[in-house]
Amino acid sequence: MWSGMAVNTSDIAGIGLMILAMLGPVAYALATARGSSREDFLYNSDDTGLLATFAGIICGNIGVGTFVGIGLFSEASPLIGVSIALAYATGLLMCAWLAPAVRKLCFQHRVRGLVDLLVIAHGVRSPLLIWCPIAFVFLLRAAVQLLALSVLLQSMFGMSAPWSILSSAVLCGGYTAIGGYRVAVRTDIFQAGLIALGIGGLALGLPPSGQAGSGLLDLGPYRWPLLVGVWAFIPVSAILAVDNWQRVVTARDLRTARLGYLLAAPACLAAYLVIAWLGMNGGFPGGLSEALRFAMPSGWAWLADVMLLAVIMSTIDTFVMPLMSGIERSTLTVARMQLLVMALFGVLALAALVLGDLLSGIIAAFSALVAFLPAVIATFLRRRPEPLKVMISLNAGIAATVAFVFIDINTAAFVGLVAATLPFLTNLREWKRTIGSDVRK
C-alpha cells in the first residue's frame, strides 16, 4: 500500500484508521438504520445538534475541490488562491447572517431544501425542470469527488480505473443509501475529526518559506475579471449550495445553525490557508494524493490518505442527500428511497467514467452556483409566483456558465449570472422597491 516504506507502528495505526475511514460509516449505517422514519432518512428529523452541524459544515465545505482549486490557483497566482480562501470563509459567515431569513422562508412554505423551495414557492408543475439544473451542478461536484476517490483507491491498491470507480460508488452509495441524511450527519463528526487531524499534519509539515513570499499580487495566467468574480460570487455561492441550505434549515434551532457557521468559518479558513500555502510552495506535482503525502511530516504520509478518504466520502453524501428532499411529498417507502439513492450513485459512477479534466469540472461546478442567485432573489422578494421565469433562469444560467468555463474561465460566472438574470429584467424595478421598503422597515 505504501511502497518503499518500512511498516512500523505509525503505519499500523494508519492502516487501522484507513480501514475505519472506509468501512466505519458502512458499519454505523448498518447498526443504526433499522427503524428509521422517512423524516430521519431525509432530514435527520430536523434535530441536528451543534456538534453535528459544526462537523457537517467542515465536511461539506472542505472537499477535494477545495484542495485542487485553492492549491492550483495558489500555485499559479497567490492572490487568486488566498482570495478564494478568504471569500469562501466570508460565505460561511453569510450563512450565519442569512440563517434567520432562510429558515423563515422555508418554514413558511413547509420545505427544507432549496430545490423544494423554488418548486413550492413558485407553483412549478414540472419539478424536474428545477431539479435537473440544480442537480447537474451538485452531481458534477459529487462526480468529481467520486473520481478523486477512485484515483486514490488506484494509487493505494493498484486497482484499474473502472473497478476503482465502481468500488467508490458502492462504498459511498452503500452507507448513504442505508442510512440517508441521518447517517450522513452523524458520521460527519468522525470524518471532520480525521480532516482536522490531516490539516494539522499538513500545517506541521509545511515549509516556513519559499515561493509564497514572491509575486503575492501577481494574477499569473488569469485576468482581473476572475479576481472580481471570486469576491463577488464565491461568498454568495456558499449559501446557494444545497448542502449548506439544508444544513441551516434542519439544524435543531436557529441558534444552532448560526453558531455552527460562526464557529466553522474560522476553522475552515485555517484549512483553506494551509492549502493555499501548500500551493504557493510547490503545488501538487505528481497528483493530489502524492503531493499531500509528501507534505506530511516524516513517517506520517499515511495521514494524507486517511484525510482524503474522510474529505471525499463526507462531501459526497452531503451533496447527494439534499437533492432527495423533494420525494418527501411522495408516498415512497424508505426502502424505495434507498433504491433511488443507489440509482443516483450509479449515475455518478457513469459521470465519473466520462469526466474529463478534474480542474475544469471543479471550476464549472463552483462557477455555476451563481446562476441560482436570480431565482433565489426572486423567491425572497416575490410578489407573485413566476414558475416560467425561474425555470428559464436556472437552465439558461447554468448552461451559459458551463459553456464559458471552456471558452473563457475569467468571465464564465459573469456570463452565467447575466443569462440567469435576463428572464427577470422586468422584475428589477419591483425588487428595488421591495428592498427599499424592507430597509425602511
Protein backbone atom coordinates (compact mmCIF):
# COMPACT_ATOMS: atom_id res chain seq x y z
CA MET A 1 0.00 0.00 0.00
CA TRP A 2 2.82 2.41 0.82
CA SER A 3 5.60 1.11 -1.38
CA GLY A 4 9.14 1.79 -0.26
CA MET A 5 8.13 2.42 3.36
CA ALA A 6 9.01 0.12 6.21
CA VAL A 7 5.97 -0.97 8.19
CA ASN A 8 6.18 0.41 11.69
CA THR A 9 3.82 1.34 14.49
CA SER A 10 2.84 4.55 12.74
CA ASP A 11 1.96 2.65 9.57
CA ILE A 12 -0.09 0.11 11.50
CA ALA A 13 -2.05 2.97 13.06
CA GLY A 14 -2.50 4.43 9.60
CA ILE A 15 -3.83 1.17 8.19
CA GLY A 16 -6.27 0.91 11.08
CA LEU A 17 -7.51 4.47 10.59
CA MET A 18 -7.81 3.94 6.86
CA ILE A 19 -9.95 0.84 7.30
CA LEU A 20 -12.06 2.72 9.84
CA ALA A 21 -12.42 5.70 7.50
CA MET A 22 -13.61 3.47 4.65
CA LEU A 23 -15.77 0.94 6.48
CA GLY A 24 -16.75 2.82 9.66
CA PRO A 25 -19.65 4.72 8.01
CA VAL A 26 -20.95 1.50 6.46
CA ALA A 27 -20.83 -0.32 9.79
CA TYR A 28 -22.51 2.61 11.56
CA ALA A 29 -25.26 2.76 8.96
CA LEU A 30 -25.95 -0.95 9.25
CA ALA A 31 -26.05 -0.72 13.04
CA THR A 32 -28.36 2.28 13.31
CA ALA A 33 -30.56 2.45 10.21
CA ARG A 34 -33.16 -0.06 11.29
CA GLY A 35 -36.43 1.59 12.19
CA SER A 36 -35.53 4.94 10.60
CA SER A 37 -38.50 7.00 9.54
CA ARG A 38 -38.85 8.98 6.32
CA GLU A 39 -38.06 12.14 8.30
CA ASP A 40 -34.91 10.55 9.69
CA PHE A 41 -33.82 9.41 6.24
CA LEU A 42 -34.39 12.75 4.52
CA TYR A 43 -33.77 15.40 7.22
CA ASN A 44 -32.48 13.78 10.40
CA SER A 45 -35.92 14.78 11.73
CA ASP A 46 -34.77 18.44 11.92
CA ASP A 47 -32.79 17.56 15.03
CA THR A 48 -29.14 18.14 14.08
CA GLY A 49 -27.30 19.47 17.13
CA LEU A 50 -24.42 21.92 17.35
CA LEU A 51 -21.56 19.41 17.17
CA ALA A 52 -23.03 17.63 14.14
CA THR A 53 -23.84 20.97 12.48
CA PHE A 54 -20.29 22.24 13.03
CA ALA A 55 -18.80 18.96 11.79
CA GLY A 56 -21.10 18.92 8.77
CA ILE A 57 -20.00 22.40 7.77
CA ILE A 58 -16.37 21.31 7.95
CA CYS A 59 -17.08 18.20 5.87
CA GLY A 60 -19.32 19.92 3.35
CA ASN A 61 -17.01 22.85 2.72
CA ILE A 62 -13.62 21.13 2.64
CA GLY A 63 -13.74 18.80 -0.34
CA VAL A 64 -11.27 17.58 -2.91
CA GLY A 65 -12.28 20.59 -4.99
CA THR A 66 -11.01 22.76 -2.15
CA PHE A 67 -7.58 21.16 -2.30
CA VAL A 68 -7.34 21.13 -6.08
CA GLY A 69 -8.96 24.52 -6.65
CA ILE A 70 -7.24 26.56 -3.95
CA GLY A 71 -3.96 24.67 -4.32
CA LEU A 72 -3.65 25.02 -8.09
CA PHE A 73 -4.89 28.59 -8.16
CA SER A 74 -2.42 29.50 -5.40
CA GLU A 75 0.39 27.86 -7.34
CA ALA A 76 -0.42 29.94 -10.42
CA SER A 77 -1.47 33.11 -8.57
CA PRO A 78 -1.10 33.54 -4.80
CA LEU A 79 -3.52 36.48 -4.96
CA ILE A 80 -6.28 34.38 -6.54
CA GLY A 81 -5.68 31.43 -4.20
CA VAL A 82 -5.75 33.46 -0.99
CA SER A 83 -8.74 35.43 -2.26
CA ILE A 84 -10.70 32.20 -2.81
CA ALA A 85 -9.85 31.09 0.74
CA LEU A 86 -10.96 34.39 2.29
CA ALA A 87 -14.03 34.74 0.07
CA TYR A 88 -15.39 31.29 0.86
CA ALA A 89 -14.87 31.77 4.58
CA THR A 90 -16.79 35.02 4.20
CA GLY A 91 -19.55 32.99 2.56
CA LEU A 92 -19.81 30.77 5.62
CA LEU A 93 -20.27 33.87 7.76
CA MET A 94 -23.01 34.94 5.34
CA CYS A 95 -24.74 31.61 6.00
CA ALA A 96 -24.89 32.55 9.69
CA TRP A 97 -26.14 36.04 8.87
CA LEU A 98 -28.84 34.85 6.46
CA ALA A 99 -29.92 31.84 8.54
CA PRO A 100 -32.99 33.60 10.04
CA ALA A 101 -34.31 34.63 6.62
CA VAL A 102 -33.62 31.22 5.08
CA ARG A 103 -35.33 29.33 7.90
CA LYS A 104 -38.30 31.72 7.95
CA LEU A 105 -38.94 31.38 4.22
CA CYS A 106 -38.57 27.60 4.25
CA PHE A 107 -40.83 27.15 7.26
CA GLN A 108 -43.37 29.43 5.61
CA HIS A 109 -43.56 27.06 2.65
CA ARG A 110 -43.03 23.90 4.75
CA VAL A 111 -39.91 22.83 2.89
CA ARG A 112 -36.29 22.18 3.88
CA GLY A 113 -34.35 22.12 0.63
CA LEU A 114 -33.51 24.81 -1.91
CA VAL A 115 -34.96 22.82 -4.80
CA ASP A 116 -38.24 22.30 -2.93
CA LEU A 117 -38.44 25.98 -2.04
CA LEU A 118 -38.23 27.06 -5.68
CA VAL A 119 -40.78 24.44 -6.72
CA ILE A 120 -43.36 25.13 -4.00
CA ALA A 121 -42.98 28.91 -3.75
CA HIS A 122 -43.48 29.36 -7.49
CA GLY A 123 -46.03 26.60 -8.03
CA VAL A 124 -43.88 24.81 -10.60
CA ARG A 125 -45.83 21.99 -12.22
CA SER A 126 -42.75 20.27 -13.65
CA PRO A 127 -40.32 19.99 -10.71
CA LEU A 128 -37.73 18.21 -12.88
CA LEU A 129 -37.13 21.49 -14.72
CA ILE A 130 -35.99 22.93 -11.39
CA TRP A 131 -34.32 19.79 -10.05
CA CYS A 132 -32.29 18.95 -13.16
CA PRO A 133 -30.21 22.14 -13.49
CA ILE A 134 -29.51 22.30 -9.76
CA ALA A 135 -28.82 18.58 -9.57
CA PHE A 136 -26.47 18.86 -12.55
CA VAL A 137 -24.22 21.25 -10.63
CA PHE A 138 -24.09 19.17 -7.46
CA LEU A 139 -23.90 15.82 -9.20
CA LEU A 140 -20.96 17.25 -11.16
CA ARG A 141 -19.33 18.18 -7.85
CA ALA A 142 -20.11 14.75 -6.43
CA ALA A 143 -18.78 13.04 -9.57
CA VAL A 144 -15.53 14.99 -9.20
CA GLN A 145 -15.30 13.72 -5.62
CA LEU A 146 -16.06 10.16 -6.74
CA LEU A 147 -13.39 10.37 -9.43
CA ALA A 148 -10.88 11.62 -6.88
CA LEU A 149 -11.75 8.72 -4.57
CA SER A 150 -11.26 6.26 -7.40
CA VAL A 151 -7.84 7.76 -8.18
CA LEU A 152 -6.93 7.41 -4.50
CA LEU A 153 -8.02 3.76 -4.47
CA GLN A 154 -5.98 3.15 -7.61
CA SER A 155 -2.84 4.56 -6.00
CA MET A 156 -3.42 2.68 -2.75
CA PHE A 157 -4.47 -0.73 -4.03
CA GLY A 158 -3.40 -0.79 -7.69
CA MET A 159 -7.00 -1.10 -8.93
CA SER A 160 -8.00 -0.40 -12.52
CA ALA A 161 -9.95 2.80 -13.21
CA PRO A 162 -13.36 1.16 -13.89
CA TRP A 163 -13.14 -1.08 -10.82
CA SER A 164 -11.99 1.76 -8.59
CA ILE A 165 -14.91 3.94 -9.72
CA LEU A 166 -17.37 1.09 -9.13
CA SER A 167 -15.85 0.42 -5.71
CA SER A 168 -16.05 4.11 -4.83
CA ALA A 169 -19.72 4.29 -5.81
CA VAL A 170 -20.57 1.14 -3.82
CA LEU A 171 -18.60 2.34 -0.79
CA CYS A 172 -20.14 5.83 -0.61
CA GLY A 173 -23.52 4.91 -2.02
CA GLY A 174 -23.86 1.93 0.29
CA TYR A 175 -23.85 3.74 3.61
CA THR A 176 -25.67 6.79 2.23
CA ALA A 177 -28.49 4.65 0.85
CA ILE A 178 -28.73 2.60 4.04
CA GLY A 179 -28.86 5.48 6.50
CA GLY A 180 -29.73 8.54 4.45
CA TYR A 181 -29.22 12.05 5.76
CA ARG A 182 -29.23 10.97 9.41
CA VAL A 183 -26.19 8.73 8.96
CA ALA A 184 -24.50 11.33 6.74
CA VAL A 185 -24.91 13.91 9.50
CA ARG A 186 -23.73 11.67 12.32
CA THR A 187 -20.70 10.24 10.52
CA ASP A 188 -19.60 13.81 9.76
CA ILE A 189 -18.45 14.11 13.38
CA PHE A 190 -15.90 11.31 12.98
CA GLN A 191 -14.93 12.38 9.47
CA ALA A 192 -14.44 16.01 10.50
CA GLY A 193 -12.04 14.79 13.19
CA LEU A 194 -9.97 12.96 10.58
CA ILE A 195 -9.96 16.04 8.35
CA ALA A 196 -8.79 18.24 11.23
CA LEU A 197 -6.06 15.72 12.04
CA GLY A 198 -4.89 15.75 8.43
CA ILE A 199 -4.92 19.54 8.13
CA GLY A 200 -2.93 19.70 11.36
CA GLY A 201 -0.38 17.31 9.88
CA LEU A 202 -0.09 19.44 6.75
CA ALA A 203 0.38 22.57 8.86
CA LEU A 204 3.22 20.91 10.77
CA GLY A 205 4.87 19.70 7.58
CA LEU A 206 4.66 22.90 5.54
CA PRO A 207 7.90 24.77 4.84
CA PRO A 208 8.23 28.11 6.65
CA SER A 209 9.14 29.96 3.47
CA GLY A 210 9.51 29.53 -0.25
CA GLN A 211 7.63 30.84 -3.25
CA ALA A 212 4.88 32.20 -1.02
CA GLY A 213 6.70 35.46 -0.47
CA SER A 214 7.22 36.22 -4.17
CA GLY A 215 4.63 37.55 -6.57
CA LEU A 216 1.92 37.76 -3.92
CA LEU A 217 -0.07 40.26 -6.01
CA ASP A 218 0.55 38.50 -9.32
CA LEU A 219 -2.56 37.30 -11.18
CA GLY A 220 -0.47 34.75 -13.07
CA PRO A 221 -2.24 33.47 -16.20
CA TYR A 222 -5.58 34.92 -15.10
CA ARG A 223 -7.16 38.35 -15.58
CA TRP A 224 -8.79 40.80 -13.19
CA PRO A 225 -12.41 39.71 -14.00
CA LEU A 226 -11.65 36.40 -12.32
CA LEU A 227 -10.49 38.16 -9.14
CA VAL A 228 -13.61 40.34 -9.15
CA GLY A 229 -15.72 37.23 -9.68
CA VAL A 230 -14.06 35.48 -6.75
CA TRP A 231 -15.08 38.24 -4.35
CA ALA A 232 -18.45 38.92 -5.96
CA PHE A 233 -19.69 35.36 -6.33
CA ILE A 234 -17.89 32.90 -4.06
CA PRO A 235 -19.31 34.33 -0.79
CA VAL A 236 -22.82 34.07 -2.25
CA SER A 237 -22.17 30.56 -3.55
CA ALA A 238 -21.83 29.25 0.00
CA ILE A 239 -25.46 29.94 0.88
CA LEU A 240 -26.61 28.77 -2.57
CA ALA A 241 -25.05 25.34 -2.02
CA VAL A 242 -27.86 22.84 -1.42
CA ASP A 243 -25.99 21.18 1.45
CA ASN A 244 -25.40 24.45 3.33
CA TRP A 245 -29.00 25.49 2.70
CA GLN A 246 -30.42 22.25 4.09
CA ARG A 247 -27.94 22.30 6.99
CA VAL A 248 -29.23 25.74 8.03
CA VAL A 249 -32.88 24.66 7.85
CA THR A 250 -32.57 21.24 9.51
CA ALA A 251 -30.46 22.39 12.45
CA ARG A 252 -32.21 21.88 15.79
CA ASP A 253 -32.92 25.59 16.08
CA LEU A 254 -31.76 28.96 14.75
CA ARG A 255 -29.11 29.38 17.43
CA THR A 256 -27.57 26.03 16.49
CA ALA A 257 -27.46 26.95 12.81
CA ARG A 258 -25.91 30.37 13.36
CA LEU A 259 -23.40 29.30 15.99
CA GLY A 260 -22.36 26.31 13.90
CA TYR A 261 -21.42 28.55 10.98
CA LEU A 262 -19.81 31.20 13.16
CA LEU A 263 -17.54 28.55 14.69
CA ALA A 264 -16.86 26.69 11.44
CA ALA A 265 -15.94 29.75 9.36
CA PRO A 266 -12.57 30.42 11.07
CA ALA A 267 -11.84 26.68 11.26
CA CYS A 268 -12.43 26.30 7.52
CA LEU A 269 -10.42 29.46 6.80
CA ALA A 270 -7.44 28.00 8.65
CA ALA A 271 -7.68 24.88 6.47
CA TYR A 272 -8.02 26.95 3.30
CA LEU A 273 -4.93 28.99 4.13
CA VAL A 274 -2.90 25.85 4.83
CA ILE A 275 -3.90 24.55 1.38
CA ALA A 276 -3.08 27.91 -0.22
CA TRP A 277 0.35 27.92 1.45
CA LEU A 278 0.97 24.41 0.13
CA GLY A 279 0.04 25.57 -3.36
CA MET A 280 2.34 28.59 -3.15
CA ASN A 281 5.23 26.39 -2.09
CA GLY A 282 5.23 23.88 -4.91
CA GLY A 283 1.60 22.94 -5.56
CA PHE A 284 0.69 19.35 -6.40
CA PRO A 285 3.37 17.81 -8.60
CA GLY A 286 2.62 14.17 -9.33
CA GLY A 287 -1.02 14.38 -8.28
CA LEU A 288 -3.02 15.41 -5.24
CA SER A 289 -2.53 12.36 -3.02
CA GLU A 290 1.20 12.14 -3.76
CA ALA A 291 1.71 15.83 -3.00
CA LEU A 292 -0.20 15.61 0.28
CA ARG A 293 1.72 12.53 1.35
CA PHE A 294 4.98 14.34 0.64
CA ALA A 295 3.79 17.41 2.57
CA MET A 296 3.06 15.44 5.75
CA PRO A 297 5.70 15.19 8.49
CA SER A 298 8.20 12.37 8.09
CA GLY A 299 6.64 8.98 8.81
CA TRP A 300 3.08 10.29 8.60
CA ALA A 301 2.45 10.03 4.85
CA TRP A 302 -0.47 7.67 5.52
CA LEU A 303 -2.33 10.53 7.21
CA ALA A 304 -2.81 12.15 3.81
CA ASP A 305 -4.73 9.10 2.57
CA VAL A 306 -6.84 8.94 5.72
CA MET A 307 -7.67 12.64 5.42
CA LEU A 308 -8.58 12.37 1.73
CA LEU A 309 -10.86 9.40 2.39
CA ALA A 310 -12.73 11.42 5.01
CA VAL A 311 -12.78 14.56 2.84
CA ILE A 312 -14.20 12.77 -0.18
CA MET A 313 -16.69 10.43 1.45
CA SER A 314 -18.13 13.08 3.76
CA THR A 315 -18.59 15.52 0.88
CA ILE A 316 -20.37 13.14 -1.47
CA ASP A 317 -23.12 12.18 0.97
CA THR A 318 -23.86 15.82 1.85
CA PHE A 319 -24.19 16.69 -1.86
CA VAL A 320 -26.47 13.78 -2.74
CA MET A 321 -28.99 13.67 0.11
CA PRO A 322 -30.25 17.30 -0.17
CA LEU A 323 -31.16 16.51 -3.78
CA MET A 324 -33.54 13.81 -2.49
CA SER A 325 -35.63 16.11 -0.31
CA GLY A 326 -38.41 16.50 -2.88
CA ILE A 327 -39.50 12.89 -2.51
CA GLU A 328 -40.87 13.75 0.94
CA ARG A 329 -44.15 14.65 -0.75
CA SER A 330 -44.30 11.25 -2.45
CA THR A 331 -45.70 8.05 -0.97
CA LEU A 332 -42.41 6.18 -1.38
CA THR A 333 -41.31 3.94 1.45
CA VAL A 334 -37.85 4.24 2.96
CA ALA A 335 -36.83 1.09 1.06
CA ARG A 336 -37.76 2.68 -2.27
CA MET A 337 -35.95 5.87 -1.29
CA GLN A 338 -32.86 3.79 -0.62
CA LEU A 339 -33.08 2.31 -4.12
CA LEU A 340 -33.34 5.82 -5.58
CA VAL A 341 -30.20 6.88 -3.74
CA MET A 342 -28.32 3.87 -5.10
CA ALA A 343 -29.56 4.68 -8.60
CA LEU A 344 -28.25 8.21 -8.20
CA PHE A 345 -24.86 6.83 -7.24
CA GLY A 346 -24.99 4.70 -10.38
CA VAL A 347 -25.40 7.90 -12.39
CA LEU A 348 -22.44 9.39 -10.50
CA ALA A 349 -20.30 6.39 -11.39
CA LEU A 350 -21.13 6.79 -15.08
CA ALA A 351 -20.39 10.51 -14.89
CA ALA A 352 -17.04 9.83 -13.22
CA LEU A 353 -16.13 7.37 -16.00
CA VAL A 354 -16.56 10.04 -18.69
CA LEU A 355 -15.43 13.06 -16.69
CA GLY A 356 -12.52 14.83 -18.32
CA ASP A 357 -10.26 17.43 -16.76
CA LEU A 358 -10.63 17.44 -12.97
CA LEU A 359 -9.95 21.15 -12.54
CA SER A 360 -12.39 22.15 -15.29
CA GLY A 361 -15.10 20.09 -13.62
CA ILE A 362 -14.45 21.76 -10.28
CA ILE A 363 -14.45 25.26 -11.78
CA ALA A 364 -17.64 24.58 -13.74
CA ALA A 365 -19.44 23.34 -10.62
CA PHE A 366 -18.36 26.26 -8.43
CA SER A 367 -18.92 28.94 -11.09
CA ALA A 368 -22.40 27.65 -11.91
CA LEU A 369 -23.66 28.22 -8.36
CA VAL A 370 -24.09 31.92 -9.04
CA ALA A 371 -26.68 31.04 -11.69
CA PHE A 372 -29.05 30.16 -8.82
CA LEU A 373 -28.92 33.71 -7.45
CA PRO A 374 -31.60 35.48 -9.54
CA ALA A 375 -34.16 32.72 -8.93
CA VAL A 376 -33.44 32.73 -5.18
CA ILE A 377 -33.70 36.53 -5.00
CA ALA A 378 -36.99 36.34 -6.89
CA THR A 379 -38.25 33.87 -4.30
CA PHE A 380 -37.34 36.13 -1.37
CA LEU A 381 -38.71 39.29 -2.99
CA ARG A 382 -41.58 37.83 -4.99
CA ARG A 383 -44.98 39.40 -5.16
CA ARG A 384 -46.38 36.51 -7.22
CA PRO A 385 -45.25 33.03 -8.36
CA GLU A 386 -43.16 33.06 -11.53
CA PRO A 387 -42.56 29.42 -12.50
CA LEU A 388 -41.61 30.01 -16.14
CA LYS A 389 -39.03 32.69 -15.34
CA VAL A 390 -37.47 30.56 -12.59
CA MET A 391 -37.17 27.54 -14.89
CA ILE A 392 -35.66 29.54 -17.76
CA SER A 393 -33.31 31.39 -15.42
CA LEU A 394 -31.83 28.28 -13.84
CA ASN A 395 -31.39 26.33 -17.04
CA ALA A 396 -30.04 29.21 -19.13
CA GLY A 397 -27.70 30.43 -16.40
CA ILE A 398 -26.12 27.06 -15.72
CA ALA A 399 -25.81 26.17 -19.42
CA ALA A 400 -24.09 29.50 -20.15
CA THR A 401 -21.72 29.17 -17.20
CA VAL A 402 -20.59 25.65 -18.02
CA ALA A 403 -20.11 26.52 -21.69
CA PHE A 404 -17.98 29.58 -20.88
CA VAL A 405 -15.75 27.70 -18.43
CA PHE A 406 -14.27 26.06 -21.52
CA ILE A 407 -14.24 29.32 -23.53
CA ASP A 408 -13.03 31.91 -21.02
CA ILE A 409 -12.66 30.89 -17.40
CA ASN A 410 -12.26 34.51 -16.30
CA THR A 411 -15.77 35.56 -17.32
CA ALA A 412 -17.77 32.32 -17.02
CA ALA A 413 -19.53 33.27 -13.77
CA PHE A 414 -20.42 36.74 -15.11
CA VAL A 415 -21.89 35.28 -18.29
CA GLY A 416 -23.89 32.75 -16.30
CA LEU A 417 -25.25 35.44 -13.99
CA VAL A 418 -26.30 37.62 -16.93
CA ALA A 419 -28.05 34.69 -18.63
CA ALA A 420 -29.83 33.80 -15.38
CA THR A 421 -30.89 37.42 -14.79
CA LEU A 422 -32.34 38.11 -18.25
CA PRO A 423 -35.73 36.45 -17.56
CA PHE A 424 -36.16 38.73 -14.53
CA LEU A 425 -35.30 42.07 -16.19
CA THR A 426 -38.87 43.26 -15.84
CA ASN A 427 -38.70 42.50 -12.10
CA LEU A 428 -35.66 44.65 -11.30
CA ARG A 429 -37.65 47.82 -10.57
CA GLU A 430 -40.06 45.87 -8.36
CA TRP A 431 -37.14 44.26 -6.49
CA LYS A 432 -35.60 47.68 -5.91
CA ARG A 433 -38.82 48.99 -4.38
CA THR A 434 -39.18 45.87 -2.21
CA ILE A 435 -35.60 46.14 -0.91
CA GLY A 436 -36.07 49.84 -0.21
CA SER A 437 -39.29 49.15 1.69
CA ASP A 438 -37.60 46.41 3.75
CA VAL A 439 -34.70 48.73 4.59
CA ARG A 440 -37.07 51.48 5.77
CA LYS A 441 -38.93 48.98 7.96
